[in-house]
Amino acid sequence: MVQVRNEEGVGDKISTVGSFDKMEKVKVRENEAAYLLWDHDKVYSQQIEWLKNGTKLSYSVMTRSKDVTKEQLIKIAESLYDAK
């Protein structure tokens, strides 16, 4: 799943609330991004969120597959970034 949102008026940070098993700062090209991993109660998901530099557009890529690695998810995010 890929989401693009216009975050006008939200500020320059993405605020993610929740209890994640892993939260880590990663890079999507020159943008700082958040890598989030959730593995609770038979629910598994990995997600990367970032604001594109110089804009108020928020991007998110997410998978529920355990077969996708963090590095693969970053490559998917970078291909989305390059397409925009």
PDB file of N, CA and C in Angstrom:
ATOM      1  N   MET A   1       0.849  -1.163   0.000  1.00  0.00           N
ATOM      2  CA  MET A   1       0.000   0.000   0.000  1.00  0.00           C
ATOM      3  C   MET A   1       0.901   1.233   0.000  1.00  0.00           C
ATOM      4  N   VAL A   2       0.537   2.218  -0.785  1.00  0.00           N
ATOM      5  CA  VAL A   2       1.248   3.496  -0.835  1.00  0.00           C
ATOM      6  C   VAL A   2       0.243   4.596  -0.556  1.00  0.00           C
ATOM      7  N   GLN A   3       0.588   5.516   0.336  1.00  0.00           N
ATOM      8  CA  GLN A   3      -0.270   6.658   0.641  1.00  0.00           C
ATOM      9  C   GLN A   3       0.503   7.937   0.399  1.00  0.00           C
ATOM     10  N   VAL A   4      -0.174   8.939  -0.163  1.00  0.00           N
ATOM     11  CA  VAL A   4       0.387  10.280  -0.299  1.00  0.00           C
ATOM     12  C   VAL A   4      -0.644  11.237   0.285  1.00  0.00           C
ATOM     13  N   ARG A   5      -0.215  12.070   1.238  1.00  0.00           N
ATOM     14  CA  ARG A   5      -1.133  13.019   1.870  1.00  0.00           C
ATOM     15  C   ARG A   5      -0.529  14.411   1.817  1.00  0.00           C
ATOM     16  N   ASN A   6      -1.376  15.416   1.693  1.00  0.00           N
ATOM     17  CA  ASN A   6      -0.928  16.798   1.786  1.00  0.00           C
ATOM     18  C   ASN A   6      -1.046  17.211   3.245  1.00  0.00           C
ATOM     19  N   GLU A   7       0.078  17.523   3.865  1.00  0.00           N
ATOM     20  CA  GLU A   7       0.114  17.844   5.287  1.00  0.00           C
ATOM     21  C   GLU A   7       0.233  19.345   5.527  1.00  0.00           C
ATOM     22  N   GLU A   8      -0.404  20.176   4.696  1.00  0.00           N
ATOM     23  CA  GLU A   8      -0.373  21.631   4.880  1.00  0.00           C
ATOM     24  C   GLU A   8      -0.793  21.978   6.301  1.00  0.00           C
ATOM     25  N   GLY A   9      -0.030  22.852   6.934  1.00  0.00           N
ATOM     26  CA  GLY A   9      -0.371  23.313   8.268  1.00  0.00           C
ATOM     27  C   GLY A   9       0.005  22.365   9.389  1.00  0.00           C
ATOM     28  N   VAL A  10       0.603  21.239   9.068  1.00  0.00           N
ATOM     29  CA  VAL A  10       0.947  20.260  10.088  1.00  0.00           C
ATOM     30  C   VAL A  10       2.324  20.525  10.674  1.00  0.00           C
ATOM     31  N   GLY A  11       3.166  21.220   9.961  1.00  0.00           N
ATOM     32  CA  GLY A  11       4.530  21.448  10.428  1.00  0.00           C
ATOM     33  C   GLY A  11       5.505  20.634   9.601  1.00  0.00           C
ATOM     34  N   ASP A  12       6.721  20.540  10.072  1.00  0.00           N
ATOM     35  CA  ASP A  12       7.763  19.871   9.305  1.00  0.00           C
ATOM     36  C   ASP A  12       8.077  18.476   9.805  1.00  0.00           C
ATOM     37  N   LYS A  13       7.276  17.944  10.686  1.00  0.00           N
ATOM     38  CA  LYS A  13       7.548  16.625  11.241  1.00  0.00           C
ATOM     39  C   LYS A  13       6.325  15.740  11.068  1.00  0.00           C
ATOM     40  N   ILE A  14       6.582  14.449  10.937  1.00  0.00           N
ATOM     41  CA  ILE A  14       5.508  13.468  10.958  1.00  0.00           C
ATOM     42  C   ILE A  14       5.444  12.934  12.378  1.00  0.00           C
ATOM     43  N   SER A  15       4.268  12.912  12.947  1.00  0.00           N
ATOM     44  CA  SER A  15       4.098  12.393  14.296  1.00  0.00           C
ATOM     45  C   SER A  15       3.343  11.080  14.205  1.00  0.00           C
ATOM     46  N   THR A  16       3.980  10.015  14.623  1.00  0.00           N
ATOM     47  CA  THR A  16       3.355   8.705  14.599  1.00  0.00           C
ATOM     48  C   THR A  16       3.157   8.249  16.032  1.00  0.00           C
ATOM     49  N   VAL A  17       1.928   7.898  16.356  1.00  0.00           N
ATOM     50  CA  VAL A  17       1.608   7.467  17.704  1.00  0.00           C
ATOM     51  C   VAL A  17       1.327   5.979  17.664  1.00  0.00           C
ATOM     52  N   GLY A  18       1.866   5.263  18.600  1.00  0.00           N
ATOM     53  CA  GLY A  18       1.598   3.839  18.662  1.00  0.00           C
ATOM     54  C   GLY A  18       2.705   3.116  19.391  1.00  0.00           C
ATOM     55  N   SER A  19       2.466   1.865  19.620  1.00  0.00           N
ATOM     56  CA  SER A  19       3.434   1.013  20.284  1.00  0.00           C
ATOM     57  C   SER A  19       4.024   0.079  19.235  1.00  0.00           C
ATOM     58  N   PHE A  20       5.194   0.413  18.749  1.00  0.00           N
ATOM     59  CA  PHE A  20       5.828  -0.368  17.704  1.00  0.00           C
ATOM     60  C   PHE A  20       6.932  -1.222  18.300  1.00  0.00           C
ATOM     61  N   ASP A  21       7.189  -2.369  17.681  1.00  0.00           N
ATOM     62  CA  ASP A  21       8.280  -3.220  18.127  1.00  0.00           C
ATOM     63  C   ASP A  21       9.625  -2.628  17.753  1.00  0.00           C
ATOM     64  N   LYS A  22       9.632  -1.860  16.681  1.00  0.00           N
ATOM     65  CA  LYS A  22      10.880  -1.239  16.244  1.00  0.00           C
ATOM     66  C   LYS A  22      10.557   0.082  15.573  1.00  0.00           C
ATOM     67  N   MET A  23      11.266   1.123  15.966  1.00  0.00           N
ATOM     68  CA  MET A  23      11.180   2.430  15.313  1.00  0.00           C
ATOM     69  C   MET A  23      12.610   2.857  15.041  1.00  0.00           C
ATOM     70  N   GLU A  24      12.868   3.258  13.802  1.00  0.00           N
ATOM     71  CA  GLU A  24      14.239   3.562  13.412  1.00  0.00           C
ATOM     72  C   GLU A  24      14.240   4.681  12.384  1.00  0.00           C
ATOM     73  N   LYS A  25      15.216   5.564  12.483  1.00  0.00           N
ATOM     74  CA  LYS A  25      15.368   6.620  11.486  1.00  0.00           C
ATOM     75  C   LYS A  25      16.131   6.036  10.299  1.00  0.00           C
ATOM     76  N   VAL A  26      15.586   6.224   9.084  1.00  0.00           N
ATOM     77  CA  VAL A  26      16.229   5.775   7.850  1.00  0.00           C
ATOM     78  C   VAL A  26      16.218   6.940   6.867  1.00  0.00           C
ATOM     79  N   LYS A  27      16.840   6.761   5.726  1.00  0.00           N
ATOM     80  CA  LYS A  27      16.864   7.784   4.675  1.00  0.00           C
ATOM     81  C   LYS A  27      16.125   7.270   3.448  1.00  0.00           C
ATOM     82  N   VAL A  28      15.301   8.137   2.866  1.00  0.00           N
ATOM     83  CA  VAL A  28      14.710   7.919   1.544  1.00  0.00           C
ATOM     84  C   VAL A  28      15.288   9.032   0.686  1.00  0.00           C
ATOM     85  N   ARG A  29      16.306   8.672  -0.096  1.00  0.00           N
ATOM     86  CA  ARG A  29      17.152   9.653  -0.792  1.00  0.00           C
ATOM     87  C   ARG A  29      17.696  10.634   0.246  1.00  0.00           C
ATOM     88  N   GLU A  30      17.445  11.945   0.099  1.00  0.00           N
ATOM     89  CA  GLU A  30      17.988  12.899   1.073  1.00  0.00           C
ATOM     90  C   GLU A  30      17.004  13.229   2.194  1.00  0.00           C
ATOM     91  N   ASN A  31      15.887  12.520   2.250  1.00  0.00           N
ATOM     92  CA  ASN A  31      14.856  12.781   3.257  1.00  0.00           C
ATOM     93  C   ASN A  31      15.010  11.852   4.457  1.00  0.00           C
ATOM     94  N   GLU A  32      14.885  12.420   5.663  1.00  0.00           N
ATOM     95  CA  GLU A  32      14.811  11.575   6.845  1.00  0.00           C
ATOM     96  C   GLU A  32      13.443  10.912   6.857  1.00  0.00           C
ATOM     97  N   ALA A  33      13.425   9.650   7.266  1.00  0.00           N
ATOM     98  CA  ALA A  33      12.179   8.890   7.277  1.00  0.00           C
ATOM     99  C   ALA A  33      12.127   8.038   8.539  1.00  0.00           C
ATOM    100  N   ALA A  34      10.932   7.566   8.857  1.00  0.00           N
ATOM    101  CA  ALA A  34      10.739   6.669   9.995  1.00  0.00           C
ATOM    102  C   ALA A  34      10.399   5.282   9.473  1.00  0.00           C
ATOM    103  N   TYR A  35      11.146   4.283   9.937  1.00  0.00           N
ATOM    104  CA  TYR A  35      10.841   2.874   9.659  1.00  0.00           C
ATOM    105  C   TYR A  35      10.145   2.332  10.901  1.00  0.00           C
ATOM    106  N   LEU A  36       8.962   1.752  10.717  1.00  0.00           N
ATOM    107  CA  LEU A  36       8.151   1.263  11.829  1.00  0.00           C
ATOM    108  C   LEU A  36       7.822  -0.203  11.606  1.00  0.00           C
ATOM    109  N   LEU A  37       8.008  -1.013  12.642  1.00  0.00           N
ATOM    110  CA  LEU A  37       7.704  -2.445  12.574  1.00  0.00           C
ATOM    111  C   LEU A  37       6.739  -2.784  13.696  1.00  0.00           C
ATOM    112  N   TRP A  38       5.673  -3.488  13.344  1.00  0.00           N
ATOM    113  CA  TRP A  38       4.655  -3.915  14.299  1.00  0.00           C
ATOM    114  C   TRP A  38       4.482  -5.413  14.137  1.00  0.00           C
ATOM    115  N   ASP A  39       4.610  -6.166  15.230  1.00  0.00           N
ATOM    116  CA  ASP A  39       4.439  -7.625  15.191  1.00  0.00           C
ATOM    117  C   ASP A  39       3.761  -8.063  16.488  1.00  0.00           C
ATOM    118  N   HIS A  40       2.446  -7.839  16.561  1.00  0.00           N
ATOM    119  CA  HIS A  40       1.661  -8.133  17.761  1.00  0.00           C
ATOM    120  C   HIS A  40       0.376  -8.844  17.386  1.00  0.00           C
ATOM    121  N   ASP A  41      -0.051  -9.718  18.242  1.00  0.00           N
ATOM    122  CA  ASP A  41      -1.391 -10.303  18.147  1.00  0.00           C
ATOM    123  C   ASP A  41      -1.743 -10.750  16.731  1.00  0.00           C
ATOM    124  N   LYS A  42      -0.856 -11.496  16.106  1.00  0.00           N
ATOM    125  CA  LYS A  42      -1.067 -12.039  14.758  1.00  0.00           C
ATOM    126  C   LYS A  42      -1.150 -10.961  13.682  1.00  0.00           C
ATOM    127  N   VAL A  43      -0.765  -9.732  14.002  1.00  0.00           N
ATOM    128  CA  VAL A  43      -0.739  -8.651  13.015  1.00  0.00           C
ATOM    129  C   VAL A  43       0.710  -8.243  12.812  1.00  0.00           C
ATOM    130  N   TYR A  44       1.149  -8.243  11.557  1.00  0.00           N
ATOM    131  CA  TYR A  44       2.519  -7.876  11.216  1.00  0.00           C
ATOM    132  C   TYR A  44       2.470  -6.788  10.162  1.00  0.00           C
ATOM    133  N   SER A  45       3.225  -5.732  10.359  1.00  0.00           N
ATOM    134  CA  SER A  45       3.335  -4.718   9.314  1.00  0.00           C
ATOM    135  C   SER A  45       4.660  -3.986   9.452  1.00  0.00           C
ATOM    136  N   GLN A  46       5.159  -3.535   8.311  1.00  0.00           N
ATOM    137  CA  GLN A  46       6.333  -2.675   8.231  1.00  0.00           C
ATOM    138  C   GLN A  46       5.908  -1.439   7.460  1.00  0.00           C
ATOM    139  N   GLN A  47       6.420  -0.289   7.868  1.00  0.00           N
ATOM    140  CA  GLN A  47       6.008   0.955   7.224  1.00  0.00           C
ATOM    141  C   GLN A  47       7.168   1.937   7.222  1.00  0.00           C
ATOM    142  N   ILE A  48       7.249   2.738   6.167  1.00  0.00           N
ATOM    143  CA  ILE A  48       8.185   3.850   6.102  1.00  0.00           C
ATOM    144  C   ILE A  48       7.373   5.101   5.815  1.00  0.00           C
ATOM    145  N   GLU A  49       7.581   6.160   6.606  1.00  0.00           N
ATOM    146  CA  GLU A  49       6.890   7.443   6.417  1.00  0.00           C
ATOM    147  C   GLU A  49       7.919   8.552   6.301  1.00  0.00           C
ATOM    148  N   TRP A  50       7.637   9.517   5.412  1.00  0.00           N
ATOM    149  CA  TRP A  50       8.519  10.683   5.295  1.00  0.00           C
ATOM    150  C   TRP A  50       7.790  11.845   4.662  1.00  0.00           C
ATOM    151  N   LEU A  51       8.290  13.058   4.937  1.00  0.00           N
ATOM    152  CA  LEU A  51       7.857  14.278   4.258  1.00  0.00           C
ATOM    153  C   LEU A  51       8.890  14.576   3.190  1.00  0.00           C
ATOM    154  N   LYS A  52       8.442  14.825   1.968  1.00  0.00           N
ATOM    155  CA  LYS A  52       9.377  15.174   0.906  1.00  0.00           C
ATOM    156  C   LYS A  52       9.942  16.556   1.194  1.00  0.00           C
ATOM    157  N   ASN A  53      11.274  16.667   1.164  1.00  0.00           N
ATOM    158  CA  ASN A  53      11.940  17.942   1.460  1.00  0.00           C
ATOM    159  C   ASN A  53      11.354  19.074   0.631  1.00  0.00           C
ATOM    160  N   GLY A  54      11.107  20.206   1.295  1.00  0.00           N
ATOM    161  CA  GLY A  54      10.630  21.392   0.605  1.00  0.00           C
ATOM    162  C   GLY A  54       9.149  21.377   0.289  1.00  0.00           C
ATOM    163  N   THR A  55       8.425  20.349   0.736  1.00  0.00           N
ATOM    164  CA  THR A  55       6.986  20.277   0.479  1.00  0.00           C
ATOM    165  C   THR A  55       6.267  19.913   1.772  1.00  0.00           C
ATOM    166  N   LYS A  56       4.958  19.896   1.699  1.00  0.00           N
ATOM    167  CA  LYS A  56       4.137  19.418   2.808  1.00  0.00           C
ATOM    168  C   LYS A  56       3.490  18.086   2.441  1.00  0.00           C
ATOM    169  N   LEU A  57       4.080  17.377   1.472  1.00  0.00           N
ATOM    170  CA  LEU A  57       3.532  16.086   1.070  1.00  0.00           C
ATOM    171  C   LEU A  57       4.130  14.981   1.923  1.00  0.00           C
ATOM    172  N   SER A  58       3.264  14.208   2.535  1.00  0.00           N
ATOM    173  CA  SER A  58       3.655  13.086   3.374  1.00  0.00           C
ATOM    174  C   SER A  58       3.478  11.802   2.570  1.00  0.00           C
ATOM    175  N   TYR A  59       4.498  10.955   2.590  1.00  0.00           N
ATOM    176  CA  TYR A  59       4.458   9.688   1.861  1.00  0.00           C
ATOM    177  C   TYR A  59       4.572   8.540   2.847  1.00  0.00           C
ATOM    178  N   SER A  60       3.954   7.425   2.492  1.00  0.00           N
ATOM    179  CA  SER A  60       4.006   6.241   3.339  1.00  0.00           C
ATOM    180  C   SER A  60       3.947   5.003   2.452  1.00  0.00           C
ATOM    181  N   VAL A  61       4.836   4.050   2.703  1.00  0.00           N
ATOM    182  CA  VAL A  61       4.738   2.737   2.057  1.00  0.00           C
ATOM    183  C   VAL A  61       4.638   1.707   3.174  1.00  0.00           C
ATOM    184  N   MET A  62       3.789   0.682   2.977  1.00  0.00           N
ATOM    185  CA  MET A  62       3.533  -0.292   4.021  1.00  0.00           C
ATOM    186  C   MET A  62       3.358  -1.671   3.418  1.00  0.00           C
ATOM    187  N   THR A  63       3.815  -2.678   4.149  1.00  0.00           N
ATOM    188  CA  THR A  63       3.581  -4.057   3.754  1.00  0.00           C
ATOM    189  C   THR A  63       3.200  -4.873   4.984  1.00  0.00           C
ATOM    190  N   ARG A  64       2.431  -5.904   4.758  1.00  0.00           N
ATOM    191  CA  ARG A  64       2.109  -6.862   5.819  1.00  0.00           C
ATOM    192  C   ARG A  64       2.849  -8.182   5.588  1.00  0.00           C
ATOM    193  N   SER A  65       3.706  -8.214   4.599  1.00  0.00           N
ATOM    194  CA  SER A  65       4.452  -9.428   4.258  1.00  0.00           C
ATOM    195  C   SER A  65       5.747  -9.513   5.054  1.00  0.00           C
ATOM    196  N   LYS A  66       5.993 -10.675   5.646  1.00  0.00           N
ATOM    197  CA  LYS A  66       7.261 -10.904   6.338  1.00  0.00           C
ATOM    198  C   LYS A  66       8.377 -11.218   5.352  1.00  0.00           C
ATOM    199  N   ASP A  67       8.030 -11.437   4.087  1.00  0.00           N
ATOM    200  CA  ASP A  67       9.028 -11.752   3.062  1.00  0.00           C
ATOM    201  C   ASP A  67       9.742 -10.510   2.544  1.00  0.00           C
ATOM    202  N   VAL A  68       9.203  -9.325   2.807  1.00  0.00           N
ATOM    203  CA  VAL A  68       9.805  -8.070   2.354  1.00  0.00           C
ATOM    204  C   VAL A  68      10.755  -7.572   3.442  1.00  0.00           C
ATOM    205  N   THR A  69      12.000  -7.297   3.064  1.00  0.00           N
ATOM    206  CA  THR A  69      12.975  -6.796   4.033  1.00  0.00           C
ATOM    207  C   THR A  69      12.867  -5.280   4.165  1.00  0.00           C
ATOM    208  N   LYS A  70      13.462  -4.758   5.219  1.00  0.00           N
ATOM    209  CA  LYS A  70      13.507  -3.304   5.412  1.00  0.00           C
ATOM    210  C   LYS A  70      14.193  -2.646   4.220  1.00  0.00           C
ATOM    211  N   GLU A  71      15.286  -3.236   3.743  1.00  0.00           N
ATOM    212  CA  GLU A  71      16.027  -2.676   2.612  1.00  0.00           C
ATOM    213  C   GLU A  71      15.172  -2.654   1.341  1.00  0.00           C
ATOM    214  N   GLN A  72      14.383  -3.711   1.123  1.00  0.00           N
ATOM    215  CA  GLN A  72      13.487  -3.737  -0.041  1.00  0.00           C
ATOM    216  C   GLN A  72      12.411  -2.659   0.081  1.00  0.00           C
ATOM    217  N   LEU A  73      11.894  -2.464   1.279  1.00  0.00           N
ATOM    218  CA  LEU A  73      10.871  -1.439   1.489  1.00  0.00           C
ATOM    219  C   LEU A  73      11.455  -0.046   1.242  1.00  0.00           C
ATOM    220  N   ILE A  74      12.700   0.173   1.646  1.00  0.00           N
ATOM    221  CA  ILE A  74      13.367   1.451   1.373  1.00  0.00           C
ATOM    222  C   ILE A  74      13.523   1.648  -0.127  1.00  0.00           C
ATOM    223  N   LYS A  75      13.889   0.601  -0.868  1.00  0.00           N
ATOM    224  CA  LYS A  75      14.023   0.710  -2.330  1.00  0.00           C
ATOM    225  C   LYS A  75      12.684   1.051  -2.979  1.00  0.00           C
ATOM    226  N   ILE A  76      11.596   0.468  -2.479  1.00  0.00           N
ATOM    227  CA  ILE A  76      10.260   0.800  -2.987  1.00  0.00           C
ATOM    228  C   ILE A  76       9.962   2.275  -2.714  1.00  0.00           C
ATOM    229  N   ALA A  77      10.280   2.739  -1.503  1.00  0.00           N
ATOM    230  CA  ALA A  77      10.061   4.151  -1.152  1.00  0.00           C
ATOM    231  C   ALA A  77      10.886   5.060  -2.053  1.00  0.00           C
ATOM    232  N   GLU A  78      12.137   4.682  -2.334  1.00  0.00           N
ATOM    233  CA  GLU A  78      12.989   5.496  -3.200  1.00  0.00           C
ATOM    234  C   GLU A  78      12.467   5.528  -4.633  1.00  0.00           C
ATOM    235  N   SER A  79      11.914   4.417  -5.112  1.00  0.00           N
ATOM    236  CA  SER A  79      11.356   4.430  -6.473  1.00  0.00           C
ATOM    237  C   SER A  79      10.118   5.319  -6.532  1.00  0.00           C
ATOM    238  N   LEU A  80       9.320   5.348  -5.463  1.00  0.00           N
ATOM    239  CA  LEU A  80       8.181   6.265  -5.400  1.00  0.00           C
ATOM    240  C   LEU A  80       8.681   7.705  -5.368  1.00  0.00           C
ATOM    241  N   TYR A  81       9.706   7.969  -4.568  1.00  0.00           N
ATOM    242  CA  TYR A  81      10.284   9.309  -4.479  1.00  0.00           C
ATOM    243  C   TYR A  81      10.780   9.766  -5.848  1.00  0.00           C
ATOM    244  N   ASP A  82      11.484   8.892  -6.561  1.00  0.00           N
ATOM    245  CA  ASP A  82      12.030   9.238  -7.875  1.00  0.00           C
ATOM    246  C   ASP A  82      10.935   9.499  -8.905  1.00  0.00           C
ATOM    247  N   ALA A  83       9.785   8.841  -8.741  1.00  0.00           N
ATOM    248  CA  ALA A  83       8.686   8.994  -9.701  1.00  0.00           C
ATOM    249  C   ALA A  83       7.944  10.308  -9.504  1.00  0.00           C
ATOM    250  N   LYS A  84       8.051  10.910  -8.344  1.00  0.00           N
ATOM    251  CA  LYS A  84       7.296  12.135  -8.048  1.00  0.00           C
ATOM    252  C   LYS A  84       8.054  13.356  -8.466  1.00  0.00           C
TER     253      LYS A  84
END
